[in-house]
Structures are given as structure tokens and as C-alpha cells.
Amino acid sequence: MAEFISFAVPTQSDKVLLVWELSAGPPAEALIRSLSAVFSQFGLLYSVRVFPNAAVARPGFYAIIKFYSSRDAQKAQKACDGKPLFQTSPVKVRLSTRQKALRHQTFALNSSRCQELANYYFGFNGWSKRIIRLQELSGLEDGALTGPVRKRSLKFFCAVEVVLPPYGCKSPGVGIAEEPLHQPEEEARR
């Protein structure tokens, strides 16, 4: 059975693993590298975050690992639970049971994360994108910079088409980006 993987930040609990009983010896950065190396063997990771245990617990760390795929998260949980992985004592690995209150709210991935996801599942050069239209919407070309001092920004509209040649499908997409325009200091004082 196929799994639908959207180009959105994974928030579903079946894509999130909780890992605890991580030893206190290595620093958090080293744990992140070790966890990434182990869990990325099961699928593409969205994030690996490490936190110190609460003051009332014994010293050590716990981690939250997000996968793009619920199937990959389940495989990782089954394979890693109760194993020492990269330390001397075994770790506990469970799928998250936390339920999001706002399940309908999804956040799109940024462009580099979308490319990473597409490359992972479709293979490098297994897809392409082309810009259909790029248009400035900010109106700065009309002399808007000579008016009274106010916060200005550049605004662009972009229409793209993503093509998956091996599957014979195309998908259009649109987006608007806005970036604040910083004025030189002397101009801002006028």
C-alpha cells in the first residue's frame, strides 16, 4: 500500500518518535549526530532535537525525531526500541501519542526542504521544475521610494511547474514572497 507524503512540515503523531534513556556522557550536539546517523537509515528525517532530562529525573537526555513518512517512523521504532544503538545501555523508542489540537493547520516546507524531499523519493534528476512567471508586485519601480518614510518591502509573485517525467505528471504551483527593504541610515533619518 502506498503512503501519501505531503510537502508540509510533519506534525502527525505517527511520524514522530520519542527516544529516551540517552546517556548523559556525550554533549547534545554529539547525540544529534549519532541519532541522525542511526535513524536516517530508516528514511528521510525532518528533524532531530535533543533535550536534557527534567531536574527530577536522572541525568541524561531525551530526543524527538520527526520523519516525513509514518511507515519509516514505525520501522525505526520497531528496530531500535530496547537496543543500545550507539551507547552501552538500551534506549526506549516510542511513537508519539500526542494529538495536535489544530490538525487542520499545516505549514508548507521551504524550497530547500522540498528539494531534499523530492530528491530522496524521486532520485536526483528524477524531477524538474521551471518558473512559468516571476513578477514584482511591490510597485517600487513607480517611484514609491520618494514618498514619505515608511516601512517598504519587495513583493514577488512566482508561478512554477514541477514535472515528474518517470511518472508522466506535472503540477503547477504559485507563491508570493515579501522581503523588507532596508534603507541606508542617512536616507532613513530624513
C-alpha atoms as a PDB file:
ATOM      1  CA  MET A   1       0.000   0.000   0.000  1.00  0.00           C
ATOM      2  CA  ALA A   2       1.339   3.429  -0.967  1.00  0.00           C
ATOM      3  CA  GLU A   3       1.767   6.255   1.516  1.00  0.00           C
ATOM      4  CA  PHE A   4       0.951   9.860   0.655  1.00  0.00           C
ATOM      5  CA  ILE A   5       3.754  12.194   1.737  1.00  0.00           C
ATOM      6  CA  SER A   6       2.920  15.873   1.517  1.00  0.00           C
ATOM      7  CA  PHE A   7       5.371  18.728   1.098  1.00  0.00           C
ATOM      8  CA  ALA A   8       4.455  20.055   4.535  1.00  0.00           C
ATOM      9  CA  VAL A   9       6.054  20.106   7.973  1.00  0.00           C
ATOM     10  CA  PRO A  10       5.262  16.699   9.515  1.00  0.00           C
ATOM     11  CA  THR A  11       3.027  17.134  12.577  1.00  0.00           C
ATOM     12  CA  GLN A  12       1.113  13.854  12.771  1.00  0.00           C
ATOM     13  CA  SER A  13       1.973  11.803  15.841  1.00  0.00           C
ATOM     14  CA  ASP A  14       2.583   8.669  13.737  1.00  0.00           C
ATOM     15  CA  LYS A  15       5.615  10.428  12.181  1.00  0.00           C
ATOM     16  CA  VAL A  16       7.196  11.454  15.499  1.00  0.00           C
ATOM     17  CA  LEU A  17       9.403   9.238  17.657  1.00  0.00           C
ATOM     18  CA  LEU A  18      10.268   9.839  21.295  1.00  0.00           C
ATOM     19  CA  VAL A  19      13.638   8.424  22.349  1.00  0.00           C
ATOM     20  CA  TRP A  20      14.670   8.432  25.988  1.00  0.00           C
ATOM     21  CA  GLU A  21      17.231   6.979  28.374  1.00  0.00           C
ATOM     22  CA  LEU A  22      20.001   8.594  26.360  1.00  0.00           C
ATOM     23  CA  SER A  23      23.205   8.761  28.399  1.00  0.00           C
ATOM     24  CA  ALA A  24      24.470  11.971  29.963  1.00  0.00           C
ATOM     25  CA  GLY A  25      28.066  11.461  28.763  1.00  0.00           C
ATOM     26  CA  PRO A  26      28.181  12.998  25.287  1.00  0.00           C
ATOM     27  CA  PRO A  27      27.087  16.607  24.618  1.00  0.00           C
ATOM     28  CA  ALA A  28      23.738  17.247  22.911  1.00  0.00           C
ATOM     29  CA  GLU A  29      25.400  18.032  19.552  1.00  0.00           C
ATOM     30  CA  ALA A  30      27.140  14.622  19.520  1.00  0.00           C
ATOM     31  CA  LEU A  31      23.849  12.908  20.386  1.00  0.00           C
ATOM     32  CA  ILE A  32      22.112  14.688  17.495  1.00  0.00           C
ATOM     33  CA  ARG A  33      24.774  13.427  15.066  1.00  0.00           C
ATOM     34  CA  SER A  34      24.568   9.863  16.441  1.00  0.00           C
ATOM     35  CA  LEU A  35      20.752   9.801  16.413  1.00  0.00           C
ATOM     36  CA  SER A  36      20.682  11.217  12.878  1.00  0.00           C
ATOM     37  CA  ALA A  37      23.093   8.544  11.670  1.00  0.00           C
ATOM     38  CA  VAL A  38      21.054   5.708  13.211  1.00  0.00           C
ATOM     39  CA  PHE A  39      17.524   6.863  12.359  1.00  0.00           C
ATOM     40  CA  SER A  40      18.253   8.181   8.847  1.00  0.00           C
ATOM     41  CA  GLN A  41      18.857   4.548   7.846  1.00  0.00           C
ATOM     42  CA  PHE A  42      15.070   4.063   8.013  1.00  0.00           C
ATOM     43  CA  GLY A  43      14.029   7.101   5.976  1.00  0.00           C
ATOM     44  CA  LEU A  44      14.377  10.822   5.455  1.00  0.00           C
ATOM     45  CA  LEU A  45      14.338  12.814   8.706  1.00  0.00           C
ATOM     46  CA  TYR A  46      12.714  16.212   9.066  1.00  0.00           C
ATOM     47  CA  SER A  47      14.345  16.988  12.415  1.00  0.00           C
ATOM     48  CA  VAL A  48      16.251  15.564  15.377  1.00  0.00           C
ATOM     49  CA  ARG A  49      16.021  17.537  18.615  1.00  0.00           C
ATOM     50  CA  VAL A  50      17.697  16.635  21.903  1.00  0.00           C
ATOM     51  CA  PHE A  51      16.682  17.942  25.340  1.00  0.00           C
ATOM     52  CA  PRO A  52      18.128  17.442  28.836  1.00  0.00           C
ATOM     53  CA  ASN A  53      16.035  15.376  31.226  1.00  0.00           C
ATOM     54  CA  ALA A  54      13.983  17.250  33.813  1.00  0.00           C
ATOM     55  CA  ALA A  55      15.751  18.142  37.073  1.00  0.00           C
ATOM     56  CA  VAL A  56      13.727  15.496  38.970  1.00  0.00           C
ATOM     57  CA  ALA A  57      14.896  12.698  36.633  1.00  0.00           C
ATOM     58  CA  ARG A  58      18.337  11.150  36.480  1.00  0.00           C
ATOM     59  CA  PRO A  59      20.926  12.943  34.322  1.00  0.00           C
ATOM     60  CA  GLY A  60      20.678  12.283  30.625  1.00  0.00           C
ATOM     61  CA  PHE A  61      18.747  13.312  27.548  1.00  0.00           C
ATOM     62  CA  TYR A  62      15.660  12.527  25.523  1.00  0.00           C
ATOM     63  CA  ALA A  63      15.040  13.202  21.849  1.00  0.00           C
ATOM     64  CA  ILE A  64      12.195  13.971  19.472  1.00  0.00           C
ATOM     65  CA  ILE A  65      12.728  12.677  15.937  1.00  0.00           C
ATOM     66  CA  LYS A  66      10.399  13.608  13.083  1.00  0.00           C
ATOM     67  CA  PHE A  67      10.138  11.588   9.891  1.00  0.00           C
ATOM     68  CA  TYR A  68       8.344  12.601   6.700  1.00  0.00           C
ATOM     69  CA  SER A  69       6.876   9.092   6.452  1.00  0.00           C
ATOM     70  CA  SER A  70       4.817   7.310   9.112  1.00  0.00           C
ATOM     71  CA  ARG A  71       5.907   3.960   7.635  1.00  0.00           C
ATOM     72  CA  ASP A  72       9.587   4.894   8.134  1.00  0.00           C
ATOM     73  CA  ALA A  73       8.904   6.038  11.716  1.00  0.00           C
ATOM     74  CA  GLN A  74       7.200   2.725  12.535  1.00  0.00           C
ATOM     75  CA  LYS A  75      10.081   0.704  11.054  1.00  0.00           C
ATOM     76  CA  ALA A  76      12.586   2.722  13.087  1.00  0.00           C
ATOM     77  CA  GLN A  77      10.587   2.322  16.298  1.00  0.00           C
ATOM     78  CA  LYS A  78      10.371  -1.462  15.945  1.00  0.00           C
ATOM     79  CA  ALA A  79      14.042  -1.864  15.017  1.00  0.00           C
ATOM     80  CA  CYS A  80      15.544   0.466  17.636  1.00  0.00           C
ATOM     81  CA  ASP A  81      13.413   0.070  20.759  1.00  0.00           C
ATOM     82  CA  GLY A  82      15.339  -1.661  23.542  1.00  0.00           C
ATOM     83  CA  LYS A  83      18.644  -1.595  21.637  1.00  0.00           C
ATOM     84  CA  PRO A  84      21.803   0.177  22.840  1.00  0.00           C
ATOM     85  CA  LEU A  85      22.300   1.795  19.376  1.00  0.00           C
ATOM     86  CA  PHE A  86      25.442   3.896  19.967  1.00  0.00           C
ATOM     87  CA  GLN A  87      25.694   3.722  23.787  1.00  0.00           C
ATOM     88  CA  THR A  88      26.187   0.926  26.325  1.00  0.00           C
ATOM     89  CA  SER A  89      22.633   0.873  27.731  1.00  0.00           C
ATOM     90  CA  PRO A  90      19.439   0.319  25.708  1.00  0.00           C
ATOM     91  CA  VAL A  91      17.181   3.211  24.758  1.00  0.00           C
ATOM     92  CA  LYS A  92      13.402   3.339  24.651  1.00  0.00           C
ATOM     93  CA  VAL A  93      11.761   4.383  21.389  1.00  0.00           C
ATOM     94  CA  ARG A  94       8.022   5.027  21.052  1.00  0.00           C
ATOM     95  CA  LEU A  95       5.717   6.616  18.533  1.00  0.00           C
ATOM     96  CA  SER A  96       4.254   9.835  19.846  1.00  0.00           C
ATOM     97  CA  THR A  97       0.734   9.679  21.231  1.00  0.00           C
ATOM     98  CA  ARG A  98       0.331  13.445  21.407  1.00  0.00           C
ATOM     99  CA  GLN A  99      -2.613  14.713  19.407  1.00  0.00           C
ATOM    100  CA  LYS A 100      -2.460  18.142  17.790  1.00  0.00           C
ATOM    101  CA  ALA A 101      -5.349  20.421  18.701  1.00  0.00           C
ATOM    102  CA  LEU A 102      -5.161  22.200  15.330  1.00  0.00           C
ATOM    103  CA  ARG A 103      -4.733  19.272  12.966  1.00  0.00           C
ATOM    104  CA  HIS A 104      -6.078  21.240  10.016  1.00  0.00           C
ATOM    105  CA  GLN A 105      -3.259  23.785  10.192  1.00  0.00           C
ATOM    106  CA  THR A 106      -0.304  22.707   8.060  1.00  0.00           C
ATOM    107  CA  PHE A 107       2.843  24.599   7.244  1.00  0.00           C
ATOM    108  CA  ALA A 108       4.488  24.282   3.840  1.00  0.00           C
ATOM    109  CA  LEU A 109       8.119  23.259   3.611  1.00  0.00           C
ATOM    110  CA  ASN A 110      10.630  25.819   2.431  1.00  0.00           C
ATOM    111  CA  SER A 111      12.157  25.376  -1.018  1.00  0.00           C
ATOM    112  CA  SER A 112      15.327  23.587   0.087  1.00  0.00           C
ATOM    113  CA  ARG A 113      13.330  21.086   2.195  1.00  0.00           C
ATOM    114  CA  CYS A 114      11.025  20.435  -0.783  1.00  0.00           C
ATOM    115  CA  GLN A 115      14.041  19.738  -2.992  1.00  0.00           C
ATOM    116  CA  GLU A 116      15.546  17.447  -0.340  1.00  0.00           C
ATOM    117  CA  LEU A 117      12.269  15.506  -0.095  1.00  0.00           C
ATOM    118  CA  ALA A 118      11.836  15.255  -3.877  1.00  0.00           C
ATOM    119  CA  ASN A 119      15.432  14.117  -4.359  1.00  0.00           C
ATOM    120  CA  TYR A 120      15.058  11.462  -1.656  1.00  0.00           C
ATOM    121  CA  TYR A 121      11.883   9.900  -3.033  1.00  0.00           C
ATOM    122  CA  PHE A 122      12.249  10.548  -6.787  1.00  0.00           C
ATOM    123  CA  GLY A 123      16.039  10.356  -7.040  1.00  0.00           C
ATOM    124  CA  PHE A 124      18.397  13.050  -8.199  1.00  0.00           C
ATOM    125  CA  ASN A 125      17.296  14.276 -11.637  1.00  0.00           C
ATOM    126  CA  GLY A 126      14.070  12.281 -11.282  1.00  0.00           C
ATOM    127  CA  TRP A 127      12.103  15.533 -11.333  1.00  0.00           C
ATOM    128  CA  SER A 128      12.449  19.108 -12.547  1.00  0.00           C
ATOM    129  CA  LYS A 129      10.898  22.499 -12.019  1.00  0.00           C
ATOM    130  CA  ARG A 130      10.542  25.521 -14.225  1.00  0.00           C
ATOM    131  CA  ILE A 131       9.451  29.047 -13.471  1.00  0.00           C
ATOM    132  CA  ILE A 132       6.405  29.941 -15.524  1.00  0.00           C
ATOM    133  CA  ARG A 133       6.145  33.524 -14.362  1.00  0.00           C
ATOM    134  CA  LEU A 134       8.010  35.773 -11.927  1.00  0.00           C
ATOM    135  CA  GLN A 135       6.526  39.200 -11.351  1.00  0.00           C
ATOM    136  CA  GLU A 136       7.327  42.021  -8.941  1.00  0.00           C
ATOM    137  CA  LEU A 137       4.255  43.203  -7.045  1.00  0.00           C
ATOM    138  CA  SER A 138       5.804  45.810  -4.746  1.00  0.00           C
ATOM    139  CA  GLY A 139       5.381  48.816  -7.068  1.00  0.00           C
ATOM    140  CA  LEU A 140       8.877  50.147  -6.300  1.00  0.00           C
ATOM    141  CA  GLU A 141       9.501  50.785  -9.976  1.00  0.00           C
ATOM    142  CA  ASP A 142       6.806  53.506  -9.903  1.00  0.00           C
ATOM    143  CA  GLY A 143       8.877  55.844  -7.721  1.00  0.00           C
ATOM    144  CA  ALA A 144       7.462  54.604  -4.418  1.00  0.00           C
ATOM    145  CA  LEU A 145      10.816  55.216  -2.715  1.00  0.00           C
ATOM    146  CA  THR A 146      10.487  59.023  -2.994  1.00  0.00           C
ATOM    147  CA  GLY A 147       7.368  59.214  -0.798  1.00  0.00           C
ATOM    148  CA  PRO A 148       7.223  59.692   2.978  1.00  0.00           C
ATOM    149  CA  VAL A 149       9.394  57.454   5.163  1.00  0.00           C
ATOM    150  CA  ARG A 150       7.559  54.227   5.883  1.00  0.00           C
ATOM    151  CA  LYS A 151       8.402  50.575   6.042  1.00  0.00           C
ATOM    152  CA  ARG A 152       8.884  49.309   2.494  1.00  0.00           C
ATOM    153  CA  SER A 153       9.228  45.821   1.147  1.00  0.00           C
ATOM    154  CA  LEU A 154       9.812  43.916  -2.059  1.00  0.00           C
ATOM    155  CA  LYS A 155       6.990  41.602  -3.045  1.00  0.00           C
ATOM    156  CA  PHE A 156       7.148  38.961  -5.765  1.00  0.00           C
ATOM    157  CA  PHE A 157       4.699  36.515  -7.325  1.00  0.00           C
ATOM    158  CA  CYS A 158       6.044  33.248  -8.744  1.00  0.00           C
ATOM    159  CA  ALA A 159       4.279  30.520 -10.697  1.00  0.00           C
ATOM    160  CA  VAL A 160       6.169  27.250 -11.177  1.00  0.00           C
ATOM    161  CA  GLU A 161       5.588  23.854 -12.683  1.00  0.00           C
ATOM    162  CA  VAL A 162       7.027  20.659 -11.192  1.00  0.00           C
ATOM    163  CA  VAL A 163       7.460  17.779 -13.638  1.00  0.00           C
ATOM    164  CA  LEU A 164       7.956  14.110 -12.732  1.00  0.00           C
ATOM    165  CA  PRO A 165       8.984  12.534 -16.079  1.00  0.00           C
ATOM    166  CA  PRO A 166       9.164   8.914 -14.836  1.00  0.00           C
ATOM    167  CA  TYR A 167       5.518   9.153 -13.738  1.00  0.00           C
ATOM    168  CA  GLY A 168       4.259  11.324 -16.605  1.00  0.00           C
ATOM    169  CA  CYS A 169       2.783  14.004 -14.346  1.00  0.00           C
ATOM    170  CA  LYS A 170       3.035  17.770 -13.970  1.00  0.00           C
ATOM    171  CA  SER A 171       1.832  20.003 -11.163  1.00  0.00           C
ATOM    172  CA  PRO A 172       1.600  23.810 -11.140  1.00  0.00           C
ATOM    173  CA  GLY A 173       2.189  25.881  -8.021  1.00  0.00           C
ATOM    174  CA  VAL A 174       2.145  29.526  -7.024  1.00  0.00           C
ATOM    175  CA  GLY A 175       3.583  31.585  -4.221  1.00  0.00           C
ATOM    176  CA  ILE A 176       4.074  35.141  -3.032  1.00  0.00           C
ATOM    177  CA  ALA A 177       7.182  36.232  -1.147  1.00  0.00           C
ATOM    178  CA  GLU A 178       7.739  39.510   0.659  1.00  0.00           C
ATOM    179  CA  GLU A 179      11.049  40.804   1.970  1.00  0.00           C
ATOM    180  CA  PRO A 180      11.566  44.050   3.945  1.00  0.00           C
ATOM    181  CA  LEU A 181      13.671  46.641   2.162  1.00  0.00           C
ATOM    182  CA  HIS A 182      16.369  48.155   4.355  1.00  0.00           C
ATOM    183  CA  GLN A 183      17.181  51.799   3.671  1.00  0.00           C
ATOM    184  CA  PRO A 184      20.644  53.320   4.097  1.00  0.00           C
ATOM    185  CA  GLU A 185      20.951  55.041   7.503  1.00  0.00           C
ATOM    186  CA  GLU A 186      21.225  58.606   6.156  1.00  0.00           C
ATOM    187  CA  GLU A 187      18.133  58.165   3.993  1.00  0.00           C
ATOM    188  CA  ALA A 188      16.123  56.850   6.937  1.00  0.00           C
ATOM    189  CA  ARG A 189      16.926  59.977   9.041  1.00  0.00           C
ATOM    190  CA  ARG A 190      15.383  62.424   6.542  1.00  0.00           C
END
